[in-house]
Amino acid sequence: MGKPFAQTIGNLGTVATVIGLIYFSSAQPSSLVKVLLWLLIALALWVIGREWHWYFGHRPREYALQSPSIVAYLCTWLSSGGRAAVFSRDLSWVTNGSQAETILRRKAANGELVVFVGRRTPLIAALAAEGASIHDYSSLDFNPTARFTIVDLGRAGARMAIGLTKEGKHVIWEYDADDHAIMALAADLVALAERTNPIVR
């Protein structure tokens, strides 16, 4: 579902038409018909509200490149769910002694962290040693355009955040269980990466 402007205009047209039937029609409807028409108006208004609620909940988040707010967002995102899958280049956004490092180390120790990286660093080695499942795709000569993080991996309520650079900004889209096709595609990508990439020991 995209921006709901067109849907809103259509539904408001429905409301205006129904109100016209109730108050301005030459053949006045019966009381029962009026009740049904008001129910139609209420339904149209509910649909409008739902469309805008969906839009504001799913619109992409935009940040300046290298903004600390991106790390704060990822910390909140990772803390909000159980098992997590992180697809990154080298976790360069995680600094030594930071909240992000604490969250990742805790998830690694709990067996709740799967990481896909294209470069090995001391942090990545430490996470592997502490229990994270680390997969190295550097041998594939692959540099992903987008990075994504899934929380509650393997559960019905799994959610995913995808980040990439667009028009000089870092943009993050969120998806949840209602976005069936995208979540299924992400789950397949994680399953494939787990099978084909060597684990960092």
Foldseek 3Di string as FASTA:
>chain_A
DAQCPVVLVVLVVLLVVLVCQCPPDPDHDDPVVNVVSVVSNVVSVVVVVVNVVVHVVWPKDWAAPPDVVVVVVVLVVLVPAFAKEWEDAEPPVDDPPDSSLVSLLVNQLVLRYEYEYADDDPSLLVSVVNHYWYFHPVVVVDDDQKIKMWGNPPDLWIKMWIWHDDPNIIIIGIDTNVVPVVVVVVNVVVVVRSPPTDTDD
